[in-house]
């Protein structure tokens, strides 16, 4: 019969079970008959084997495979016989030559005796003729004799109405620089101006953005690059100062300056030239000529200063009187110098252009003291040795021939270019190149009979005396409105280039054809004849 437990009975059973558990635990550690407290007991390890692994092991199988054995064999091959063969061309067949008729000896001899005198005469004529001297066959296409390669300018200078008063090429022939100033009447001593340079070999050349620009406190009248240092350039100012800049230092380009001292020129400096020192050919001095009649030599010293090392003065009463000159004005003590050129054969010999219109032959070795009241820290000497026949106005430019020790050119405000010999006062020839002023003239550095001139009518004229001694071979327009061309210079490294500056503030680089750069046969000999015929 089924029975059901009441709740109170379950509670009693539960407490009795707990008591029994405590009692039994104590008995197991201290003995069955002595009850005690609960303690740990270590029993054996119980393990339960995995039925799953057994099932999987029964299902596993082991298999293996092997490729078939590889069969190998060795074999050798040897040629057992060889064959030699030779090839021979067929025997040449004799070529039959056309039969030459036998000449008639007596008739041929009679003919040669008959024409001998005439042939000999014509051969002598050809031998003595110079009709084809210098002629070379040119199979290339004929090109223009002069073309404009670059037109360079600096807009801020043009905006001030400045002229290009001087141009110069550096020693590598890749950089052309120009001086901005004014050559017309006026006081330009405080006019801010510029010296600009363009590197024509630089990629991306911008004609209106010079590679270097130097601001100058007075109108710049001239400049000249150093003969060996490509970035050094000397300049002369309207104020009379001479300065030297390093164009590779745009932040601080000024190297040396004369400052305003008793030694400084008191009138505009019209030309500067680099000269090697007599005892140190690798070191250079700056020579300056100015309208105050002084020719000064400057040496760069420390603290950025140009120091006067030697000087000359053109005292009126000390000028040689070998030719008729205009009487100087009352009270005039010195003759203003406007241009200078040094001989390529004698480093102490130079020619000066003057405001009086007469060129002067001068020497750096002159010993006579100059009669002048101008103050100077060094003794001034009188350099003039010989006076040449004058132009009709001031001489603006002179140039000594690089191929003849006695020849030089001069250009004046009378529009004439004179070719002089150092040995006589009168010019060998006089060419009227302009009805206005003639501002510049330069010999070619590679052609003995070629020179260029810049006119007040906006022309650049090229003369080849081998072709004509009276008219230019080529005349090109530098300015469309006939503004004057003030300066020009040949490039001694890249001889096909000629730079010219004008009153519009532009520098044009002209490229010359080979006719002006390749020396012809007997050209130097013809130059010698030109000098000796008139000098005799």
Protein backbone atom coordinates (compact mmCIF):
# COMPACT_ATOMS: atom_id res chain seq x y z
CA UNK A 1 0.00 0.00 0.00
CA UNK A 2 1.37 3.35 -0.95
CA UNK A 3 2.12 5.94 1.67
CA UNK A 4 2.70 9.64 1.43
CA UNK A 5 5.16 11.59 3.54
CA UNK A 6 4.01 14.67 5.26
CA UNK A 7 6.04 17.91 5.07
CA UNK A 8 6.97 17.89 8.68
CA UNK A 9 8.29 14.34 8.32
CA UNK A 10 10.60 15.40 5.42
CA UNK A 11 12.04 18.16 7.52
CA UNK A 12 12.85 15.76 10.31
CA UNK A 13 14.38 13.29 7.94
CA UNK A 14 16.55 16.02 6.42
CA UNK A 15 18.06 17.10 9.71
CA UNK A 16 18.64 13.51 10.77
CA UNK A 17 20.45 12.80 7.48
CA UNK A 18 22.75 15.75 7.96
CA UNK A 19 23.62 14.57 11.40
CA UNK A 20 24.26 11.07 10.21
CA UNK A 21 26.58 12.42 7.44
CA UNK A 22 28.63 14.35 9.98
CA UNK A 23 28.83 11.33 12.25
CA UNK A 24 29.81 8.98 9.45
CA UNK A 25 32.53 11.34 8.18
CA UNK A 26 34.16 11.39 11.57
CA UNK A 27 33.99 7.72 11.99
CA UNK A 28 35.74 7.03 8.70
CA UNK A 29 38.93 8.83 9.74
CA UNK A 30 39.24 7.91 13.40
CA UNK A 31 37.76 4.54 13.32
CA UNK A 32 34.30 3.11 13.15
CA UNK A 33 33.83 3.17 16.79
CA UNK A 34 35.24 6.63 17.61
CA UNK A 35 33.37 9.56 16.13
CA UNK A 36 35.45 12.74 15.37
CA UNK A 37 35.58 15.95 13.18
CA UNK A 38 35.57 16.04 9.30
CA UNK A 39 38.96 15.37 7.56
CA UNK A 40 40.25 15.00 3.90
CA UNK A 41 40.72 11.56 2.45
CA UNK A 42 42.73 10.46 -0.60
CA UNK A 43 41.08 7.81 -2.74
CA UNK A 44 42.20 5.97 -5.89
CA UNK A 45 42.01 7.46 -9.43
CA UNK A 46 38.80 6.81 -11.25
CA UNK A 47 39.05 6.56 -15.09
CA UNK A 48 36.34 6.33 -17.68
CA UNK A 49 37.52 4.93 -21.05
CA UNK A 50 36.39 6.83 -24.25
CA UNK A 51 34.01 4.85 -26.36
CA UNK A 52 34.31 7.40 -29.25
CA UNK A 53 38.03 6.83 -29.79
CA UNK A 54 37.54 3.13 -29.88
CA UNK A 55 34.89 3.45 -32.53
CA UNK A 56 37.11 5.80 -34.66
CA UNK A 57 40.14 3.49 -34.35
CA UNK A 58 38.15 0.65 -35.74
CA UNK A 59 37.23 2.76 -38.78
CA UNK A 60 40.85 3.97 -39.60
CA UNK A 61 42.80 2.37 -42.45
CA UNK A 62 46.50 2.57 -43.43
CA UNK A 63 47.46 2.72 -47.12
CA UNK A 64 50.67 3.29 -49.11
CA UNK A 65 51.59 3.82 -52.77
CA UNK A 66 54.77 3.48 -54.85
CA UNK A 67 55.60 4.80 -58.35
CA UNK A 68 56.70 2.38 -60.90
CA UNK A 69 60.44 1.76 -61.09
CA UNK A 70 62.34 4.11 -63.50
CA UNK A 71 64.23 2.46 -66.25
CA UNK A 72 67.62 4.05 -67.20
CA UNK A 73 70.03 3.33 -70.02
CA UNK A 74 73.34 4.73 -71.20
CA UNK A 75 74.32 5.18 -74.85
CA UNK A 76 77.21 6.82 -76.75
CA UNK A 77 77.50 8.04 -80.34
CA UNK A 78 80.67 8.28 -82.35
CA UNK A 79 81.03 9.50 -85.95
CA UNK A 80 82.66 6.75 -87.90
CA UNK A 81 83.65 8.66 -91.05
CA UNK A 82 84.22 12.21 -92.37
CA UNK A 83 84.36 13.86 -95.77
CA UNK A 84 86.54 16.81 -96.93
CA UNK A 85 85.30 19.14 -99.67
CA UNK A 86 86.87 22.10 -101.51
CA UNK A 87 85.34 24.90 -103.64
CA UNK A 88 87.18 26.65 -106.42
CA UNK A 89 85.91 29.49 -108.60
CA UNK A 90 86.07 29.04 -112.26
CA UNK A 91 89.07 30.26 -114.08
CA UNK A 92 88.63 33.97 -115.05
CA UNK A 93 87.93 34.64 -118.63
CA UNK A 94 90.13 37.23 -120.31
CA UNK A 95 88.42 40.60 -120.77
CA UNK A 96 88.73 42.02 -124.17
CA UNK A 97 89.79 45.69 -124.13
CA UNK A 98 88.85 48.02 -126.89
CA UNK A 99 91.71 48.66 -129.16
CA UNK A 100 93.36 52.03 -128.73
CA UNK A 101 94.28 53.71 -131.92
CA UNK A 102 97.89 54.56 -132.23
CA UNK A 103 98.59 58.28 -131.86
CA UNK A 104 100.44 60.30 -134.36
CA UNK A 105 103.59 61.35 -132.49
CA UNK A 106 104.75 64.15 -134.79
CA UNK A 107 101.30 65.78 -134.93
CA UNK A 108 100.89 65.67 -131.09
CA UNK A 109 104.32 67.20 -130.57
CA UNK A 110 103.54 69.97 -133.04
CA UNK A 111 100.26 70.76 -131.23
CA UNK A 112 101.91 70.96 -127.80
CA UNK A 113 104.63 73.27 -129.10
CA UNK A 114 101.95 75.48 -130.60
CA UNK A 115 99.89 75.91 -127.40
CA UNK A 116 102.77 75.84 -124.89
CA UNK A 117 103.21 79.61 -124.66
CA UNK A 118 99.48 80.29 -124.29
CA UNK A 119 98.99 77.63 -121.59
CA UNK A 120 102.05 78.85 -119.67
CA UNK A 121 100.75 82.43 -119.79
CA UNK A 122 97.32 81.47 -118.46
CA UNK A 123 98.80 79.33 -115.68
CA UNK A 124 100.94 82.24 -114.56
CA UNK A 125 97.86 84.47 -114.50
CA UNK A 126 95.97 81.99 -112.30
CA UNK A 127 98.93 81.59 -109.99
CA UNK A 128 99.18 85.36 -109.41
CA UNK A 129 95.42 85.97 -109.11
CA UNK A 130 93.69 86.19 -105.73
CA UNK A 131 90.18 86.15 -107.12
CA UNK A 132 89.23 82.98 -105.26
CA UNK A 133 91.23 83.47 -102.06
CA UNK A 134 89.18 82.46 -99.07
CA UNK A 135 86.47 80.88 -101.21
CA UNK A 136 85.00 77.76 -99.67
CA UNK A 137 82.23 75.64 -101.08
CA UNK A 138 79.30 75.68 -98.66
CA UNK A 139 76.81 72.90 -99.30
CA UNK A 140 74.62 73.92 -96.35
CA UNK A 141 71.49 75.98 -96.84
CA UNK A 142 72.11 79.70 -96.93
CA UNK A 143 71.09 81.31 -93.64
CA UNK A 144 70.45 84.89 -92.65
CA UNK A 145 73.64 86.77 -91.83
CA UNK A 146 72.25 88.24 -88.58
CA UNK A 147 69.22 87.10 -86.58
CA UNK A 148 67.82 88.27 -83.23
CA UNK A 149 68.17 85.45 -80.69
CA UNK A 150 66.90 87.17 -77.50
CA UNK A 151 65.23 90.46 -76.54
CA UNK A 152 65.91 91.08 -72.84
CA UNK A 153 64.51 93.80 -70.57
CA UNK A 154 63.70 94.68 -66.95
CA UNK A 155 60.22 96.30 -66.74
CA UNK A 156 60.88 98.32 -63.52
CA UNK A 157 63.87 99.98 -65.21
CA UNK A 158 61.90 100.65 -68.36
CA UNK A 159 59.11 102.11 -66.24
CA UNK A 160 61.60 104.70 -64.97
CA UNK A 161 62.65 105.56 -68.50
CA UNK A 162 66.19 104.22 -67.97
CA UNK A 163 68.58 103.52 -70.86
CA UNK A 164 70.91 100.56 -71.25
CA UNK A 165 74.26 102.34 -70.84
CA UNK A 166 76.58 99.32 -70.90
CA UNK A 167 76.66 95.58 -71.64
CA UNK A 168 79.20 92.89 -70.79
CA UNK A 169 79.63 89.09 -71.17
CA UNK A 170 81.04 87.04 -68.33
CA UNK A 171 84.12 84.81 -68.64
CA UNK A 172 82.10 81.70 -69.59
CA UNK A 173 80.14 83.49 -72.30
CA UNK A 174 76.81 82.26 -70.91
CA UNK A 175 75.76 85.36 -68.90
CA UNK A 176 75.12 88.85 -70.26
CA UNK A 177 74.73 91.82 -67.92
CA UNK A 178 73.62 95.39 -68.51
CA UNK A 179 73.79 98.69 -66.66
CA UNK A 180 70.70 100.90 -66.47
CA UNK A 181 71.23 104.67 -66.35
CA UNK A 182 70.78 107.83 -68.41
CA UNK A 183 73.01 109.33 -71.10
CA UNK A 184 70.95 112.41 -71.88
CA UNK A 185 71.28 115.77 -70.14
CA UNK A 186 70.28 116.02 -66.50
CA UNK A 187 71.47 115.36 -62.97
CA UNK A 188 71.17 111.62 -62.45
CA UNK A 189 73.41 111.35 -59.38
CA UNK A 190 70.52 110.40 -57.08
CA UNK A 191 68.50 108.38 -59.59
CA UNK A 192 67.95 104.83 -58.41
CA UNK A 193 68.99 102.39 -61.11
CA UNK A 194 69.84 98.72 -61.67
CA UNK A 195 72.42 96.22 -62.87
CA UNK A 196 70.76 93.11 -64.35
CA UNK A 197 72.13 89.77 -65.59
CA UNK A 198 70.60 86.94 -67.64
CA UNK A 199 71.96 83.40 -67.88
CA UNK A 200 71.22 82.47 -71.49
CA UNK A 201 72.04 78.79 -70.88
CA UNK A 202 69.45 78.42 -68.12
CA UNK A 203 66.46 76.31 -69.00
CA UNK A 204 63.25 78.29 -69.07
CA UNK A 205 64.89 81.68 -69.67
CA UNK A 206 62.42 84.51 -69.10
CA UNK A 207 63.43 87.60 -71.13
CA UNK A 208 61.77 90.00 -68.67
CA UNK A 209 62.97 88.27 -65.49
CA UNK A 210 66.76 88.64 -65.05
CA UNK A 211 68.67 85.91 -63.24
CA UNK A 212 70.12 88.57 -60.92
CA UNK A 213 69.18 92.20 -60.16
CA UNK A 214 71.24 94.68 -58.13
CA UNK A 215 69.78 98.03 -57.06
CA UNK A 216 72.22 100.93 -57.46
CA UNK A 217 71.95 104.27 -55.61
CA UNK A 218 72.93 106.36 -58.66
CA UNK A 219 72.59 106.01 -62.42
CA UNK A 220 74.90 103.20 -63.64
CA UNK A 221 76.97 104.37 -66.62
CA UNK A 222 79.11 101.30 -67.42
CA UNK A 223 80.07 97.82 -66.26
CA UNK A 224 82.59 95.04 -66.95
CA UNK A 225 82.73 91.39 -65.90
CA UNK A 226 85.85 90.01 -64.20
CA UNK A 227 88.15 88.18 -66.68
CA UNK A 228 88.23 84.92 -64.68
CA UNK A 229 85.51 85.08 -61.99
CA UNK A 230 82.17 84.62 -63.77
CA UNK A 231 80.00 86.28 -61.09
CA UNK A 232 82.10 89.39 -60.30
CA UNK A 233 81.23 92.60 -62.12
CA UNK A 234 82.55 96.16 -61.74
CA UNK A 235 80.46 99.25 -62.45
CA UNK A 236 80.85 103.00 -62.66
CA UNK A 237 78.15 105.43 -61.49
CA UNK A 238 77.01 108.90 -62.46
CA UNK A 239 78.01 110.05 -58.96
CA UNK A 240 81.67 109.12 -59.63
CA UNK A 241 81.74 105.98 -57.49
CA UNK A 242 83.17 102.64 -58.62
CA UNK A 243 81.64 99.45 -57.18
CA UNK A 244 82.22 95.70 -57.51
CA UNK A 245 79.37 93.20 -57.06
CA UNK A 246 79.12 89.43 -56.76
CA UNK A 247 76.02 88.53 -58.78
CA UNK A 248 75.86 85.07 -57.18
CA UNK A 249 74.93 86.66 -53.81
CA UNK A 250 71.48 88.18 -54.36
CA UNK A 251 70.98 89.09 -50.70
CA UNK A 252 74.29 90.95 -50.25
CA UNK A 253 75.98 91.40 -53.66
CA UNK A 254 78.28 94.37 -52.87
CA UNK A 255 81.95 93.35 -52.52
CA UNK A 256 83.83 96.67 -52.69
CA UNK A 257 83.15 100.34 -53.30
CA UNK A 258 85.26 103.49 -53.49
CA UNK A 259 82.98 105.55 -51.30
CA UNK A 260 82.83 109.34 -51.55
CA UNK A 261 86.38 110.43 -50.64
CA UNK A 262 88.94 112.85 -52.08
CA UNK A 263 90.14 110.05 -54.35
CA UNK A 264 86.71 109.40 -55.85
CA UNK A 265 85.85 110.76 -59.28
CA UNK A 266 83.88 114.00 -59.14
CA UNK A 267 82.14 113.42 -62.49
CA UNK A 268 80.38 110.44 -64.14
CA UNK A 269 82.48 107.32 -64.71
CA UNK A 270 82.18 106.37 -68.38
CA UNK A 271 84.13 103.11 -68.48
CA UNK A 272 85.70 100.51 -66.18
CA UNK A 273 88.25 97.83 -67.16
CA UNK A 274 89.82 94.91 -65.25
CA UNK A 275 93.64 94.84 -65.44
CA UNK A 276 96.04 92.18 -64.12
CA UNK A 277 98.45 93.37 -61.46
CA UNK A 278 102.02 93.75 -62.79
CA UNK A 279 103.55 91.33 -60.28
CA UNK A 280 100.56 89.03 -59.81
CA UNK A 281 98.91 88.17 -63.12
CA UNK A 282 96.19 86.14 -61.37
CA UNK A 283 95.07 89.19 -59.36
CA UNK A 284 93.19 92.06 -60.95
CA UNK A 285 92.65 95.76 -60.42
CA UNK A 286 89.85 97.99 -61.68
CA UNK A 287 90.71 100.95 -63.91
CA UNK A 288 88.14 103.73 -64.25
CA UNK A 289 87.96 106.76 -66.56
CA UNK A 290 85.69 109.73 -65.93
CA UNK A 291 84.70 113.15 -67.18
CA UNK A 292 86.81 114.81 -64.46
CA UNK A 293 89.95 113.98 -66.48
CA UNK A 294 91.27 111.32 -64.11
CA UNK A 295 92.23 107.72 -64.88
CA UNK A 296 92.38 105.74 -61.63
CA UNK A 297 93.49 102.23 -60.62
CA UNK A 298 91.64 100.64 -57.69
CA UNK A 299 92.60 97.65 -55.56
CA UNK A 300 90.09 95.69 -53.47
CA UNK A 301 91.06 95.57 -49.79
CA UNK A 302 89.38 94.39 -46.60
CA UNK A 303 86.18 95.83 -45.17
CA UNK A 304 84.58 96.06 -48.62
CA UNK A 305 86.64 99.07 -49.77
CA UNK A 306 88.33 99.91 -53.08
CA UNK A 307 91.62 101.64 -52.38
CA UNK A 308 93.39 103.88 -54.88
CA UNK A 309 96.71 102.33 -55.95
CA UNK A 310 97.71 104.60 -58.88
CA UNK A 311 96.28 107.53 -60.80
CA UNK A 312 96.66 109.73 -63.88
CA UNK A 313 95.31 113.15 -64.83
CA UNK A 314 94.86 114.71 -68.28
CA UNK A 315 96.14 118.22 -67.70
CA UNK A 316 95.51 120.46 -70.71
CA UNK A 317 98.99 122.03 -70.73
CA UNK A 318 100.64 118.58 -70.76
CA UNK A 319 98.90 117.22 -73.86
CA UNK A 320 101.25 116.54 -76.81
CA UNK A 321 100.94 119.25 -79.49
CA UNK A 322 101.66 117.09 -82.54
CA UNK A 323 98.31 118.02 -84.11
CA UNK A 324 96.11 121.08 -84.20
CA UNK A 325 93.65 121.06 -81.30
CA UNK A 326 90.87 123.37 -80.30
CA UNK A 327 91.94 125.85 -77.69
CA UNK A 328 90.61 124.87 -74.27
CA UNK A 329 88.08 127.08 -72.56
CA UNK A 330 89.39 129.66 -70.11
CA UNK A 331 89.89 128.15 -66.72
CA UNK A 332 89.79 124.58 -68.07
CA UNK A 333 92.58 122.58 -66.43
CA UNK A 334 91.72 118.95 -67.32
CA UNK A 335 90.30 117.18 -70.35
CA UNK A 336 87.44 114.79 -69.62
CA UNK A 337 88.00 111.13 -70.53
CA UNK A 338 85.07 109.29 -72.10
CA UNK A 339 86.42 105.89 -73.23
CA UNK A 340 89.45 103.61 -72.91
CA UNK A 341 90.89 100.62 -74.79
CA UNK A 342 94.03 98.60 -74.03
CA UNK A 343 96.43 97.11 -76.57
CA UNK A 344 96.40 93.31 -76.91
CA UNK A 345 100.17 93.38 -77.56
CA UNK A 346 101.44 95.81 -74.91
CA UNK A 347 99.60 95.66 -71.54
CA UNK A 348 100.88 99.12 -70.55
CA UNK A 349 99.65 100.87 -73.73
CA UNK A 350 96.12 102.27 -73.93
CA UNK A 351 94.04 104.72 -75.95
CA UNK A 352 91.73 107.29 -74.38
CA UNK A 353 88.74 108.97 -75.96
CA UNK A 354 88.14 112.52 -74.78
CA UNK A 355 85.42 115.11 -74.61
CA UNK A 356 87.58 117.30 -76.84
CA UNK A 357 87.17 114.80 -79.69
CA UNK A 358 90.80 113.70 -79.99
CA UNK A 359 92.04 110.21 -79.07
CA UNK A 360 95.17 110.04 -76.90
CA UNK A 361 97.87 107.38 -76.91
CA UNK A 362 98.81 106.79 -73.26
CA UNK A 363 101.03 104.58 -71.11
CA UNK A 364 100.71 103.14 -67.60
CA UNK A 365 104.49 103.46 -67.22
CA UNK A 366 104.52 107.27 -67.60
CA UNK A 367 106.72 108.96 -64.99
CA UNK A 368 105.93 112.66 -65.45
CA UNK A 369 103.88 114.16 -62.63
CA UNK A 370 100.53 115.63 -63.63
CA UNK A 371 100.07 119.39 -63.21
CA UNK A 372 96.74 119.43 -61.42
CA UNK A 373 95.12 120.79 -58.28
CA UNK A 374 92.83 117.82 -57.81
CA UNK A 375 93.31 116.16 -54.40
CA UNK A 376 94.65 112.61 -54.33
CA UNK A 377 96.15 110.19 -51.81
CA UNK A 378 98.67 109.01 -54.44
CA UNK A 379 100.75 111.09 -56.88
CA UNK A 380 98.93 111.61 -60.18
CA UNK A 381 100.93 111.22 -63.40
CA UNK A 382 100.51 112.53 -66.95
CA UNK A 383 99.91 109.50 -69.22
CA UNK A 384 99.47 111.13 -72.68
CA UNK A 385 102.23 110.45 -75.23
CA UNK A 386 100.63 111.20 -78.59
CA UNK A 387 97.54 113.05 -79.83
CA UNK A 388 95.55 111.95 -82.87
CA UNK A 389 93.51 114.09 -85.28
CA UNK A 390 90.16 114.90 -83.66
CA UNK A 391 86.59 114.03 -84.48
CA UNK A 392 84.01 116.74 -84.93
CA UNK A 393 82.73 116.14 -81.38
CA UNK A 394 83.41 114.06 -78.25
CA UNK A 395 84.71 110.52 -78.72
CA UNK A 396 82.30 108.02 -77.17
CA UNK A 397 84.12 104.75 -77.89
CA UNK A 398 87.57 103.36 -78.80
CA UNK A 399 88.63 99.79 -79.60
CA UNK A 400 92.13 98.36 -80.19
CA UNK A 401 92.56 95.64 -82.82
CA UNK A 402 93.22 92.18 -81.31
CA UNK A 403 95.11 91.23 -84.50
CA UNK A 404 97.38 94.25 -85.13
CA UNK A 405 99.43 96.14 -82.57
CA UNK A 406 99.10 99.54 -84.29
CA UNK A 407 95.43 99.71 -85.31
CA UNK A 408 92.48 101.05 -83.34
CA UNK A 409 88.98 102.39 -84.05
CA UNK A 410 87.16 105.38 -82.59
CA UNK A 411 83.54 106.55 -82.77
CA UNK A 412 82.26 110.07 -82.08
CA UNK A 413 79.27 112.32 -81.92
CA UNK A 414 80.03 113.45 -85.48
CA UNK A 415 78.67 110.10 -86.71
CA UNK A 416 82.08 108.98 -88.01
CA UNK A 417 84.20 105.93 -87.28
CA UNK A 418 87.94 106.55 -87.67
CA UNK A 419 90.54 103.85 -88.25
CA UNK A 420 93.88 105.02 -86.86
CA UNK A 421 97.44 103.75 -86.83
CA UNK A 422 99.45 104.32 -83.66
CA UNK A 423 102.23 105.62 -85.92
CA UNK A 424 100.52 108.71 -87.34
CA UNK A 425 98.07 111.37 -86.29
CA UNK A 426 95.73 111.33 -89.27
CA UNK A 427 93.22 108.48 -89.57
CA UNK A 428 93.81 105.79 -92.18
CA UNK A 429 90.16 105.99 -93.14
CA UNK A 430 87.04 107.79 -91.97
CA UNK A 431 83.56 106.31 -92.39
CA UNK A 432 80.35 108.25 -91.88
CA UNK A 433 78.03 105.64 -90.41
CA UNK A 434 75.30 107.87 -89.03
CA UNK A 435 73.83 111.33 -89.48
CA UNK A 436 73.46 111.40 -85.69
CA UNK A 437 75.82 110.27 -82.95
CA UNK A 438 77.90 107.10 -83.10
CA UNK A 439 77.98 105.68 -79.58
CA UNK A 440 80.00 102.46 -79.75
CA UNK A 441 82.47 100.57 -81.93
CA UNK A 442 84.08 97.16 -81.35
CA UNK A 443 86.50 94.93 -83.27
CA UNK A 444 85.51 91.30 -83.77
CA UNK A 445 87.50 88.94 -81.51
CA UNK A 446 87.80 86.32 -84.31
CA UNK A 447 87.75 88.17 -87.66
CA UNK A 448 90.66 90.62 -88.23
CA UNK A 449 88.72 92.71 -90.78
CA UNK A 450 85.30 92.77 -89.07
CA UNK A 451 83.98 95.36 -86.62
CA UNK A 452 80.56 96.48 -85.33
CA UNK A 453 79.16 99.94 -84.60
CA UNK A 454 76.10 101.26 -82.71
CA UNK A 455 74.40 104.35 -84.11
CA UNK A 456 72.12 107.08 -82.80
CA UNK A 457 69.56 106.09 -85.45
CA UNK A 458 68.82 102.71 -83.90
CA UNK A 459 71.08 100.60 -86.13
CA UNK A 460 73.67 97.92 -85.40
CA UNK A 461 76.12 97.90 -88.31
CA UNK A 462 78.59 95.15 -89.18
CA UNK A 463 81.57 95.91 -91.42
CA UNK A 464 83.73 93.43 -93.30
CA UNK A 465 86.66 95.41 -94.73
CA UNK A 466 87.52 92.45 -96.94
CA UNK A 467 84.29 93.09 -98.84
CA UNK A 468 83.97 96.87 -98.59
CA UNK A 469 85.80 99.66 -96.82
CA UNK A 470 83.03 102.22 -97.38
CA UNK A 471 79.68 100.67 -96.48
CA UNK A 472 78.48 98.12 -93.93
CA UNK A 473 78.05 94.50 -94.95
CA UNK A 474 74.92 94.24 -92.78
CA UNK A 475 72.84 96.84 -90.98
CA UNK A 476 70.06 95.66 -88.64
CA UNK A 477 67.39 97.69 -86.87
CA UNK A 478 67.67 97.42 -83.10
CA UNK A 479 64.84 99.90 -82.39
CA UNK A 480 61.81 100.50 -84.58
CA UNK A 481 61.45 104.17 -83.63
CA UNK A 482 65.16 104.93 -84.31
CA UNK A 483 65.99 105.32 -80.62
CA UNK A 484 69.78 105.31 -80.13
CA UNK A 485 71.81 102.15 -79.60
CA UNK A 486 74.25 103.07 -76.82
CA UNK A 487 76.50 100.03 -76.39
CA UNK A 488 77.49 96.67 -77.86
CA UNK A 489 79.89 93.82 -77.09
CA UNK A 490 81.03 90.67 -78.90
CA UNK A 491 81.01 87.39 -76.97
CA UNK A 492 84.62 86.13 -76.86
CA UNK A 493 83.56 82.58 -75.87
CA UNK A 494 80.49 82.10 -78.06
CA UNK A 495 81.78 84.14 -80.97
CA UNK A 496 78.53 84.00 -82.93
CA UNK A 497 76.80 86.22 -80.34
CA UNK A 498 76.71 90.03 -80.19
CA UNK A 499 74.82 91.97 -77.48
CA UNK A 500 73.56 95.55 -77.94
CA UNK A 501 71.70 97.86 -75.55
CA UNK A 502 69.50 100.82 -76.46
CA UNK A 503 67.57 103.82 -75.17
CA UNK A 504 64.35 101.78 -74.88
CA UNK A 505 65.85 99.79 -72.00
CA UNK A 506 66.29 96.60 -74.04
CA UNK A 507 69.25 94.31 -74.69
CA UNK A 508 69.14 92.36 -77.92
CA UNK A 509 71.37 89.34 -78.48
CA UNK A 510 72.17 88.98 -82.18
CA UNK A 511 73.34 85.70 -83.69
CA UNK A 512 75.90 86.09 -86.47
CA UNK A 513 76.33 83.72 -89.39
CA UNK A 514 79.61 81.96 -90.16
CA UNK A 515 80.51 84.77 -92.57
CA UNK A 516 81.32 86.92 -89.53
CA UNK A 517 82.95 84.22 -87.39
CA UNK A 518 85.18 82.19 -89.74
CA UNK A 519 88.46 83.81 -90.70
CA UNK A 520 89.22 83.85 -94.40
CA UNK A 521 92.51 83.17 -96.18
CA UNK A 522 95.05 86.02 -96.15
CA UNK A 523 92.81 88.11 -93.86
CA UNK A 524 95.62 88.97 -91.44
CA UNK A 525 97.87 89.76 -94.38
CA UNK A 526 95.28 92.16 -95.78
CA UNK A 527 95.04 93.86 -92.38
CA UNK A 528 98.82 94.33 -92.39
CA UNK A 529 98.62 95.83 -95.87
CA UNK A 530 95.89 98.21 -94.75
CA UNK A 531 98.09 99.43 -91.88
CA UNK A 532 101.32 99.70 -93.87
CA UNK A 533 100.00 101.32 -97.03
CA UNK A 534 98.92 104.52 -95.30
CA UNK A 535 101.61 104.56 -92.64
CA UNK A 536 104.41 104.47 -95.24
